[in-house]
Every structure is written in structure tokens, then in C-alpha cells.
Amino acid sequence: MGERAARTRTLIQMGGLVQKSGLAEALDVKAGCDLQADDDLKESAAILLGVFDHAAELLSSSESFTYRARWKKRGDRVFAGGEESRD
């Protein structure tokens, strides 16, 4: 697989995780929406980016092992149940 195709595959998979997590629904982002062009969704895009930025900060902290363990447990539960996490 070429580098560009591999990158695209990873980005698509990450988007699927955003959907499965319930973040898209929580921010009222529907399939086909353009987060960059739709002025009504720019706030949702900023919130989503803020969530990711905060998570990256926590994962880079000295306490990252705590967050990784907690979030992995939640992620495993969501994968196993096939439903979005709400707790």
C-alpha cells in the first residue's frame, strides 16, 4: 500500500472512531457535513479540535498511564458492545 493510501485509510478509520464514540452526534455533525465550509458547524469543529487537543495534552503528561488505562477500558467496552459510550 502506498504512503498516501495508508494515510487515507488511517484518517478514515479515525473518523469512524469519532462517529462510534458519539462525538459527531453530540455535536450535531451529520454525515456529509463540511466542517470547514458550513458556518453553522465551525463551532462544532472548534469544540471537537479542543477535545482532541486536551486529550493529546493529557496523553503527553506524566499521568498519561492513568488516562491510557481508563480510556482503553472504555474503548474496549464500546467495541465489545458495539454502541457509543455515554458514561
N, C-alpha and C. Protein backbone atom coordinates (compact mmCIF):
# COMPACT_ATOMS: atom_id res chain seq x y z
N MET A 1 0.86 -1.18 0.00
CA MET A 1 0.00 0.00 0.00
C MET A 1 0.90 1.23 0.00
N GLY A 2 0.56 2.19 -0.83
CA GLY A 2 1.33 3.41 -0.91
C GLY A 2 1.14 4.29 0.32
N GLU A 3 2.06 5.21 0.50
CA GLU A 3 2.02 6.09 1.69
C GLU A 3 0.73 6.92 1.74
N ARG A 4 0.33 7.44 0.60
CA ARG A 4 -0.89 8.26 0.57
C ARG A 4 -2.14 7.42 0.88
N ALA A 5 -2.22 6.24 0.31
CA ALA A 5 -3.36 5.35 0.57
C ALA A 5 -3.39 4.92 2.03
N ALA A 6 -2.22 4.66 2.60
CA ALA A 6 -2.16 4.26 4.01
C ALA A 6 -2.62 5.40 4.91
N ARG A 7 -2.21 6.62 4.59
CA ARG A 7 -2.63 7.79 5.37
C ARG A 7 -4.14 7.97 5.27
N THR A 8 -4.68 7.85 4.06
CA THR A 8 -6.12 7.99 3.86
C THR A 8 -6.88 6.93 4.65
N ARG A 9 -6.41 5.71 4.62
CA ARG A 9 -7.06 4.63 5.37
C ARG A 9 -7.09 4.95 6.86
N THR A 10 -5.96 5.41 7.40
CA THR A 10 -5.89 5.74 8.82
C THR A 10 -6.85 6.88 9.16
N LEU A 11 -6.92 7.90 8.32
CA LEU A 11 -7.82 9.03 8.58
C LEU A 11 -9.29 8.59 8.55
N ILE A 12 -9.63 7.72 7.62
CA ILE A 12 -11.00 7.21 7.55
C ILE A 12 -11.32 6.40 8.79
N GLN A 13 -10.39 5.56 9.23
CA GLN A 13 -10.61 4.77 10.45
C GLN A 13 -10.77 5.67 11.66
N MET A 14 -9.97 6.73 11.75
CA MET A 14 -10.08 7.66 12.88
C MET A 14 -11.44 8.36 12.85
N GLY A 15 -11.92 8.71 11.66
CA GLY A 15 -13.25 9.30 11.55
C GLY A 15 -14.33 8.35 12.02
N GLY A 16 -14.16 7.08 11.73
CA GLY A 16 -15.11 6.08 12.21
C GLY A 16 -15.13 6.00 13.73
N LEU A 17 -13.97 6.17 14.35
CA LEU A 17 -13.90 6.17 15.81
C LEU A 17 -14.60 7.39 16.40
N VAL A 18 -14.47 8.51 15.74
CA VAL A 18 -15.19 9.72 16.19
C VAL A 18 -16.69 9.46 16.14
N GLN A 19 -17.15 8.84 15.06
CA GLN A 19 -18.57 8.52 14.92
C GLN A 19 -19.00 7.53 15.99
N LYS A 20 -18.24 6.46 16.17
CA LYS A 20 -18.59 5.41 17.13
C LYS A 20 -18.59 5.95 18.56
N SER A 21 -17.75 6.92 18.85
CA SER A 21 -17.67 7.48 20.21
C SER A 21 -18.90 8.29 20.58
N GLY A 22 -19.65 8.73 19.58
CA GLY A 22 -20.82 9.56 19.85
C GLY A 22 -20.52 11.04 19.76
N LEU A 23 -19.27 11.41 19.50
CA LEU A 23 -18.92 12.83 19.43
C LEU A 23 -19.64 13.54 18.28
N ALA A 24 -19.71 12.90 17.14
CA ALA A 24 -20.38 13.54 16.00
C ALA A 24 -21.84 13.83 16.33
N GLU A 25 -22.50 12.86 16.91
CA GLU A 25 -23.91 13.04 17.28
C GLU A 25 -24.06 14.12 18.36
N ALA A 26 -23.17 14.10 19.34
CA ALA A 26 -23.23 15.07 20.43
C ALA A 26 -23.05 16.50 19.91
N LEU A 27 -22.29 16.64 18.83
CA LEU A 27 -22.05 17.96 18.26
C LEU A 27 -22.97 18.26 17.07
N ASP A 28 -23.92 17.37 16.82
CA ASP A 28 -24.89 17.52 15.73
C ASP A 28 -24.21 17.64 14.36
N VAL A 29 -23.18 16.82 14.17
CA VAL A 29 -22.48 16.76 12.89
C VAL A 29 -22.98 15.53 12.15
N LYS A 30 -23.65 15.77 11.04
CA LYS A 30 -24.24 14.70 10.24
C LYS A 30 -23.28 14.28 9.12
N ALA A 31 -23.44 13.06 8.65
CA ALA A 31 -22.64 12.57 7.53
C ALA A 31 -22.83 13.51 6.33
N GLY A 32 -21.75 13.85 5.69
CA GLY A 32 -21.79 14.73 4.53
C GLY A 32 -21.62 16.20 4.85
N CYS A 33 -21.64 16.55 6.12
CA CYS A 33 -21.43 17.94 6.52
C CYS A 33 -19.99 18.36 6.22
N ASP A 34 -19.82 19.61 5.88
CA ASP A 34 -18.48 20.17 5.65
C ASP A 34 -18.14 21.08 6.82
N LEU A 35 -17.30 20.61 7.70
CA LEU A 35 -16.96 21.35 8.92
C LEU A 35 -16.19 22.63 8.64
N GLN A 36 -15.56 22.72 7.48
CA GLN A 36 -14.80 23.92 7.15
C GLN A 36 -15.64 24.96 6.42
N ALA A 37 -16.57 24.51 5.61
CA ALA A 37 -17.34 25.45 4.78
C ALA A 37 -18.65 25.89 5.43
N ASP A 38 -19.22 25.07 6.26
CA ASP A 38 -20.52 25.38 6.87
C ASP A 38 -20.32 26.22 8.12
N ASP A 39 -20.72 27.48 8.03
CA ASP A 39 -20.53 28.40 9.16
C ASP A 39 -21.20 27.92 10.44
N ASP A 40 -22.32 27.23 10.31
CA ASP A 40 -23.03 26.73 11.49
C ASP A 40 -22.27 25.61 12.20
N LEU A 41 -21.35 24.98 11.50
CA LEU A 41 -20.61 23.86 12.09
C LEU A 41 -19.19 24.23 12.53
N LYS A 42 -18.79 25.47 12.30
CA LYS A 42 -17.44 25.87 12.70
C LYS A 42 -17.26 25.80 14.21
N GLU A 43 -18.31 26.08 14.96
CA GLU A 43 -18.23 25.96 16.42
C GLU A 43 -18.03 24.50 16.82
N SER A 44 -18.78 23.60 16.19
CA SER A 44 -18.62 22.18 16.47
C SER A 44 -17.22 21.70 16.13
N ALA A 45 -16.68 22.19 15.02
CA ALA A 45 -15.32 21.81 14.62
C ALA A 45 -14.31 22.30 15.66
N ALA A 46 -14.49 23.51 16.16
CA ALA A 46 -13.57 24.06 17.17
C ALA A 46 -13.67 23.27 18.47
N ILE A 47 -14.88 22.89 18.85
CA ILE A 47 -15.07 22.09 20.07
C ILE A 47 -14.39 20.73 19.91
N LEU A 48 -14.60 20.10 18.78
CA LEU A 48 -14.00 18.79 18.52
C LEU A 48 -12.48 18.88 18.56
N LEU A 49 -11.93 19.90 17.94
CA LEU A 49 -10.48 20.08 17.96
C LEU A 49 -9.99 20.33 19.39
N GLY A 50 -10.76 21.09 20.16
CA GLY A 50 -10.40 21.31 21.56
C GLY A 50 -10.39 20.03 22.37
N VAL A 51 -11.36 19.16 22.12
CA VAL A 51 -11.41 17.86 22.81
C VAL A 51 -10.16 17.06 22.46
N PHE A 52 -9.81 17.00 21.19
CA PHE A 52 -8.63 16.25 20.76
C PHE A 52 -7.35 16.85 21.33
N ASP A 53 -7.27 18.17 21.33
CA ASP A 53 -6.09 18.85 21.85
C ASP A 53 -5.91 18.56 23.34
N HIS A 54 -7.01 18.60 24.08
CA HIS A 54 -6.96 18.31 25.51
C HIS A 54 -6.54 16.86 25.76
N ALA A 55 -7.10 15.93 24.99
CA ALA A 55 -6.71 14.53 25.13
C ALA A 55 -5.24 14.33 24.82
N ALA A 56 -4.73 14.98 23.78
CA ALA A 56 -3.31 14.88 23.43
C ALA A 56 -2.44 15.43 24.56
N GLU A 57 -2.88 16.52 25.17
CA GLU A 57 -2.15 17.11 26.29
C GLU A 57 -2.10 16.12 27.47
N LEU A 58 -3.23 15.50 27.77
CA LEU A 58 -3.27 14.54 28.87
C LEU A 58 -2.40 13.31 28.58
N LEU A 59 -2.40 12.88 27.33
CA LEU A 59 -1.60 11.72 26.96
C LEU A 59 -0.10 12.01 26.92
N SER A 60 0.25 13.29 26.92
CA SER A 60 1.65 13.70 26.94
C SER A 60 2.12 14.05 28.36
N SER A 61 1.21 13.98 29.32
CA SER A 61 1.55 14.37 30.69
C SER A 61 2.21 13.21 31.43
N SER A 62 2.69 13.52 32.62
CA SER A 62 3.31 12.49 33.46
C SER A 62 2.28 11.49 33.97
N GLU A 63 1.01 11.83 33.88
CA GLU A 63 -0.07 10.95 34.31
C GLU A 63 -0.69 10.17 33.15
N SER A 64 -0.02 10.14 32.02
CA SER A 64 -0.62 9.54 30.82
C SER A 64 -1.01 8.09 31.03
N PHE A 65 -0.27 7.36 31.83
CA PHE A 65 -0.60 5.94 32.06
C PHE A 65 -1.99 5.79 32.66
N THR A 66 -2.39 6.72 33.51
CA THR A 66 -3.71 6.67 34.13
C THR A 66 -4.80 6.87 33.08
N TYR A 67 -4.61 7.89 32.23
CA TYR A 67 -5.59 8.17 31.19
C TYR A 67 -5.65 7.04 30.17
N ARG A 68 -4.49 6.54 29.77
CA ARG A 68 -4.46 5.44 28.80
C ARG A 68 -5.23 4.23 29.30
N ALA A 69 -5.00 3.85 30.55
CA ALA A 69 -5.68 2.68 31.12
C ALA A 69 -7.18 2.91 31.19
N ARG A 70 -7.58 4.08 31.67
CA ARG A 70 -9.01 4.40 31.80
C ARG A 70 -9.69 4.43 30.44
N TRP A 71 -9.08 5.11 29.48
CA TRP A 71 -9.69 5.26 28.17
C TRP A 71 -9.67 3.96 27.38
N LYS A 72 -8.63 3.14 27.57
CA LYS A 72 -8.61 1.84 26.90
C LYS A 72 -9.75 0.98 27.40
N LYS A 73 -10.00 0.99 28.70
CA LYS A 73 -11.09 0.22 29.28
C LYS A 73 -12.43 0.66 28.68
N ARG A 74 -12.63 1.95 28.59
CA ARG A 74 -13.87 2.48 28.00
C ARG A 74 -13.98 2.10 26.53
N GLY A 75 -12.88 2.24 25.81
CA GLY A 75 -12.87 1.90 24.39
C GLY A 75 -13.16 0.43 24.16
N ASP A 76 -12.55 -0.42 24.96
CA ASP A 76 -12.83 -1.86 24.85
C ASP A 76 -14.30 -2.15 25.09
N ARG A 77 -14.89 -1.45 26.05
CA ARG A 77 -16.31 -1.64 26.37
C ARG A 77 -17.19 -1.20 25.20
N VAL A 78 -16.86 -0.09 24.58
CA VAL A 78 -17.64 0.39 23.43
C VAL A 78 -17.50 -0.58 22.26
N PHE A 79 -16.27 -1.03 21.98
CA PHE A 79 -16.08 -2.01 20.90
C PHE A 79 -16.86 -3.28 21.17
N ALA A 80 -16.83 -3.76 22.38
CA ALA A 80 -17.50 -5.02 22.73
C ALA A 80 -19.01 -4.92 22.63
N GLY A 81 -19.54 -3.76 23.02
CA GLY A 81 -20.98 -3.58 22.98
C GLY A 81 -21.49 -3.07 21.66
N GLY A 82 -20.58 -2.58 20.84
CA GLY A 82 -20.99 -2.06 19.54
C GLY A 82 -21.85 -0.81 19.65
N GLU A 83 -21.77 -0.14 20.78
CA GLU A 83 -22.57 1.07 20.95
C GLU A 83 -21.70 2.18 21.50
N GLU A 84 -22.22 3.39 21.40
CA GLU A 84 -21.49 4.55 21.86
C GLU A 84 -21.49 4.62 23.37
N SER A 85 -20.40 5.14 23.92
CA SER A 85 -20.28 5.30 25.37
C SER A 85 -21.02 6.54 25.81
N ARG A 86 -21.71 6.44 26.92
CA ARG A 86 -22.46 7.59 27.43
C ARG A 86 -22.18 7.84 28.91
N ASP A 87 -21.20 7.14 29.49
CA ASP A 87 -20.93 7.35 30.92
C ASP A 87 -19.63 8.04 31.18
